[in-house]
Amino acid sequence: MKCNNCGFENKDSAKFCSNCGSSLPEKPVEYIQVKSNNSKYIIIALIAIIIILAAAIGFFAVGNDGNSVQNNDNLQSADSQDNLSADEDESAETKEISSSKKTEVVDEKSWESIGTYSGSGSGSETIIVPEGKIMVKLSAYPIKNYATNYLYVSGSNGEFGGVDWGSKSAVETRSDSFTYTSSSEETFTIDYYETVNWEVEFFRYQ
């Protein structure tokens, strides 16, 4: 409040000038009411802001809780699927082991020798081989070669195997083998020429 006498600026609530002691004019009623109304608006605005902030904090808190619950559910679901997959793998392995055991029990056959023939030099032999699944193994070592050395095994069913050396071949042991299946006996001829030693062995799967 400005003093009309000396121009000193006093407090709004002062009735007398603090500088000269003159009485100060009273404030208009409207001014007091306007100031009071402004204070009320400020308080109301502050309360509204506080309410909005509290609502926003609550909203985000609830949203985070929902996401946490959903994430936990997803993790539990993923764990369940992993456990299920692990159980299925174990089950598959168990079945495979069981199947292997059954196969081992059922399939007890093996290759068994049914005849071995051997010799040296040059010549020919004829033998009778029984029916079944047959495997023939043969090997020979030649005399120091100056022509063609060989060992041939041929069957009446057209099966054939053998080894040979030319005049320039290295003098070394050579081997061969073949298999066939026949429902009847077969006749095989063993032909050999200029060998130090030779051997032919017949096996049957039984």
Protein backbone atom coordinates (compact mmCIF):
# COMPACT_ATOMS: atom_id res chain seq x y z
CA MET A 1 0.00 0.00 0.00
CA LYS A 2 1.57 3.30 -1.10
CA CYS A 3 1.38 6.29 1.28
CA ASN A 4 -0.37 9.28 -0.31
CA ASN A 5 1.63 11.67 1.94
CA CYS A 6 5.24 10.53 1.47
CA GLY A 7 4.97 7.92 -1.24
CA PHE A 8 6.43 5.11 0.95
CA GLU A 9 5.41 1.59 -0.02
CA ASN A 10 3.79 -0.16 2.97
CA LYS A 11 2.31 -3.63 3.47
CA ASP A 12 -1.13 -4.24 2.10
CA SER A 13 -2.48 -4.86 5.60
CA ALA A 14 -0.99 -1.64 7.12
CA LYS A 15 -3.40 1.09 8.26
CA PHE A 16 -0.70 3.70 8.95
CA CYS A 17 2.44 4.62 6.99
CA SER A 18 5.56 3.16 8.54
CA ASN A 19 7.57 6.16 7.32
CA CYS A 20 5.50 9.23 8.18
CA GLY A 21 2.70 7.80 10.30
CA SER A 22 -0.06 9.11 8.09
CA SER A 23 -3.22 7.03 7.84
CA LEU A 24 -3.44 4.87 4.77
CA PRO A 25 -6.58 4.56 2.67
CA GLU A 26 -8.55 1.35 3.07
CA LYS A 27 -8.33 -1.29 0.28
CA PRO A 28 -11.33 -1.67 -1.92
CA VAL A 29 -13.45 -4.68 -1.07
CA GLU A 30 -13.22 -5.97 -4.65
CA TYR A 31 -9.43 -6.13 -4.51
CA ILE A 32 -9.54 -8.27 -1.38
CA GLN A 33 -12.09 -10.61 -2.90
CA VAL A 34 -10.11 -10.98 -6.13
CA LYS A 35 -6.96 -11.88 -4.20
CA SER A 36 -8.88 -14.37 -2.10
CA ASN A 37 -10.43 -15.94 -5.21
CA ASN A 38 -7.00 -16.24 -6.86
CA SER A 39 -5.68 -18.15 -3.83
CA LYS A 40 -8.63 -20.55 -3.99
CA TYR A 41 -8.00 -21.25 -7.69
CA ILE A 42 -4.34 -21.97 -7.01
CA ILE A 43 -5.22 -24.43 -4.22
CA ILE A 44 -7.82 -26.19 -6.38
CA ALA A 45 -5.34 -26.47 -9.25
CA LEU A 46 -2.70 -27.98 -6.95
CA ILE A 47 -5.19 -30.53 -5.60
CA ALA A 48 -6.21 -31.50 -9.16
CA ILE A 49 -2.56 -31.99 -10.18
CA ILE A 50 -1.92 -34.20 -7.14
CA ILE A 51 -4.97 -36.34 -7.95
CA ILE A 52 -3.88 -36.76 -11.59
CA LEU A 53 -0.35 -37.76 -10.55
CA ALA A 54 -1.65 -40.29 -8.05
CA ALA A 55 -3.98 -41.83 -10.67
CA ALA A 56 -1.13 -42.08 -13.22
CA ILE A 57 1.18 -43.77 -10.69
CA GLY A 58 -1.55 -46.23 -9.76
CA PHE A 59 -2.26 -47.03 -13.43
CA PHE A 60 1.38 -47.79 -14.25
CA ALA A 61 1.78 -49.86 -11.08
CA VAL A 62 -1.22 -52.03 -11.98
CA GLY A 63 0.01 -52.39 -15.57
CA ASN A 64 3.46 -53.56 -14.41
CA ASP A 65 1.88 -56.11 -12.05
CA GLY A 66 -0.21 -57.47 -14.94
CA ASN A 67 2.86 -57.76 -17.16
CA SER A 68 4.76 -59.51 -14.38
CA VAL A 69 1.96 -62.02 -13.93
CA GLN A 70 1.73 -62.58 -17.69
CA ASN A 71 5.51 -63.00 -17.96
CA ASN A 72 5.44 -65.50 -15.11
CA ASP A 73 2.66 -67.40 -16.86
CA ASN A 74 4.66 -67.38 -20.09
CA LEU A 75 7.76 -68.65 -18.28
CA GLN A 76 5.78 -71.40 -16.59
CA SER A 77 4.23 -72.34 -19.95
CA ALA A 78 7.68 -72.44 -21.60
CA ASP A 79 9.05 -74.57 -18.75
CA SER A 80 6.11 -76.95 -19.11
CA GLN A 81 6.73 -77.27 -22.85
CA ASP A 82 10.45 -77.89 -22.27
CA ASN A 83 9.65 -80.56 -19.68
CA LEU A 84 7.15 -82.14 -22.09
CA SER A 85 9.73 -82.14 -24.90
CA ALA A 86 12.31 -83.69 -22.56
CA ASP A 87 9.83 -86.38 -21.55
CA GLU A 88 9.03 -87.09 -25.21
CA ASP A 89 12.76 -87.34 -26.04
CA GLU A 90 13.32 -89.74 -23.15
CA SER A 91 10.33 -91.78 -24.27
CA ALA A 92 11.65 -91.89 -27.85
CA GLU A 93 15.10 -92.95 -26.60
CA THR A 94 13.53 -95.66 -24.46
CA LYS A 95 11.53 -96.94 -27.44
CA GLU A 96 14.63 -96.90 -29.62
CA ILE A 97 16.64 -98.85 -27.02
CA SER A 98 13.80 -101.34 -26.65
CA SER A 99 13.60 -101.70 -30.43
CA SER A 100 17.36 -102.26 -30.63
CA LYS A 101 17.17 -104.93 -27.94
CA LYS A 102 14.38 -106.68 -29.81
CA THR A 103 16.41 -106.55 -33.02
CA GLU A 104 19.44 -107.99 -31.27
CA VAL A 105 17.40 -110.80 -29.81
CA VAL A 106 15.66 -111.64 -33.09
CA ASP A 107 18.71 -111.32 -35.39
CA GLU A 108 21.18 -113.87 -34.01
CA LYS A 109 22.52 -115.02 -37.38
CA SER A 110 26.15 -114.59 -38.45
CA TRP A 111 28.56 -115.61 -41.21
CA GLU A 112 29.87 -119.13 -40.57
CA SER A 113 32.57 -120.86 -42.59
CA ILE A 114 31.31 -123.87 -44.54
CA GLY A 115 34.50 -124.72 -46.43
CA THR A 116 38.09 -123.61 -47.06
CA TYR A 117 40.15 -124.60 -50.10
CA SER A 118 43.81 -123.78 -50.75
CA GLY A 119 46.76 -124.81 -52.91
CA SER A 120 49.62 -123.59 -55.11
CA GLY A 121 50.95 -123.79 -58.65
CA SER A 122 48.49 -124.10 -61.52
CA GLY A 123 45.31 -126.14 -61.81
CA SER A 124 41.54 -126.31 -61.36
CA GLU A 125 39.12 -127.64 -58.74
CA THR A 126 35.34 -128.09 -58.68
CA ILE A 127 33.25 -127.93 -55.48
CA ILE A 128 29.57 -128.03 -54.54
CA VAL A 129 28.23 -125.12 -52.42
CA PRO A 130 24.90 -125.54 -50.50
CA GLU A 131 21.90 -123.21 -50.85
CA GLY A 132 21.45 -120.04 -48.79
CA LYS A 133 23.05 -116.61 -48.47
CA ILE A 134 26.69 -117.25 -49.40
CA MET A 135 29.85 -115.12 -49.20
CA VAL A 136 33.08 -116.07 -51.01
CA LYS A 137 36.50 -114.71 -50.00
CA LEU A 138 39.63 -115.42 -52.03
CA SER A 139 43.28 -114.39 -52.06
CA ALA A 140 46.50 -115.47 -53.81
CA TYR A 141 50.22 -114.73 -54.11
CA PRO A 142 51.83 -115.14 -57.57
CA ILE A 143 55.08 -116.67 -58.65
CA LYS A 144 57.55 -114.07 -59.92
CA ASN A 145 55.57 -113.09 -62.96
CA TYR A 146 56.64 -113.27 -66.57
CA ALA A 147 53.10 -113.71 -67.93
CA THR A 148 49.58 -113.55 -66.48
CA ASN A 149 49.06 -115.08 -63.03
CA TYR A 150 45.53 -115.49 -61.70
CA LEU A 151 43.00 -117.03 -59.32
CA TYR A 152 39.40 -117.17 -60.55
CA VAL A 153 36.25 -118.51 -58.82
CA SER A 154 33.13 -118.93 -61.01
CA GLY A 155 29.74 -120.49 -60.25
CA SER A 156 27.09 -122.25 -62.32
CA ASN A 157 24.72 -119.41 -61.36
CA GLY A 158 26.93 -116.83 -63.08
CA GLU A 159 28.60 -115.51 -59.90
CA PHE A 160 32.27 -114.68 -60.35
CA GLY A 161 35.27 -113.25 -58.49
CA GLY A 162 39.02 -113.29 -58.88
CA VAL A 163 42.44 -111.64 -58.94
CA ASP A 164 45.20 -111.56 -61.55
CA TRP A 165 48.59 -110.01 -62.33
CA GLY A 166 50.17 -108.89 -65.59
CA SER A 167 53.78 -109.26 -66.62
CA LYS A 168 54.56 -105.82 -65.17
CA SER A 169 52.44 -106.07 -62.03
CA ALA A 170 54.00 -105.96 -58.57
CA VAL A 171 54.42 -109.38 -56.99
CA GLU A 172 52.06 -109.09 -54.03
CA THR A 173 49.02 -110.72 -52.40
CA ARG A 174 45.69 -109.73 -53.85
CA SER A 175 42.18 -110.41 -52.49
CA ASP A 176 38.55 -110.30 -53.62
CA SER A 177 35.08 -111.25 -52.28
CA PHE A 178 31.43 -111.47 -53.36
CA THR A 179 28.06 -112.60 -51.98
CA TYR A 180 24.93 -114.14 -53.46
CA THR A 181 21.71 -115.91 -52.42
CA SER A 182 20.55 -119.18 -53.95
CA SER A 183 17.67 -121.55 -53.18
CA SER A 184 19.61 -124.58 -54.44
CA GLU A 185 23.13 -126.01 -54.51
CA GLU A 186 25.60 -124.39 -56.89
CA THR A 187 28.73 -125.76 -58.55
CA PHE A 188 31.85 -123.57 -58.36
CA THR A 189 35.12 -123.94 -60.25
CA ILE A 190 38.40 -122.64 -58.83
CA ASP A 191 41.02 -121.92 -61.57
CA TYR A 192 44.55 -120.85 -60.64
CA TYR A 193 47.77 -120.31 -62.58
CA GLU A 194 51.39 -119.76 -61.48
CA THR A 195 50.68 -119.12 -57.81
CA VAL A 196 52.90 -119.54 -54.78
CA ASN A 197 49.77 -120.05 -52.70
CA TRP A 198 46.04 -119.41 -52.92
CA GLU A 199 42.97 -119.76 -50.67
CA VAL A 200 39.20 -119.68 -51.22
CA GLU A 201 36.75 -119.73 -48.28
CA PHE A 202 32.96 -120.04 -48.40
CA PHE A 203 30.66 -118.64 -45.68
CA ARG A 204 26.91 -119.05 -45.12
CA TYR A 205 24.73 -116.61 -43.20
CA GLN A 206 22.99 -118.77 -40.57
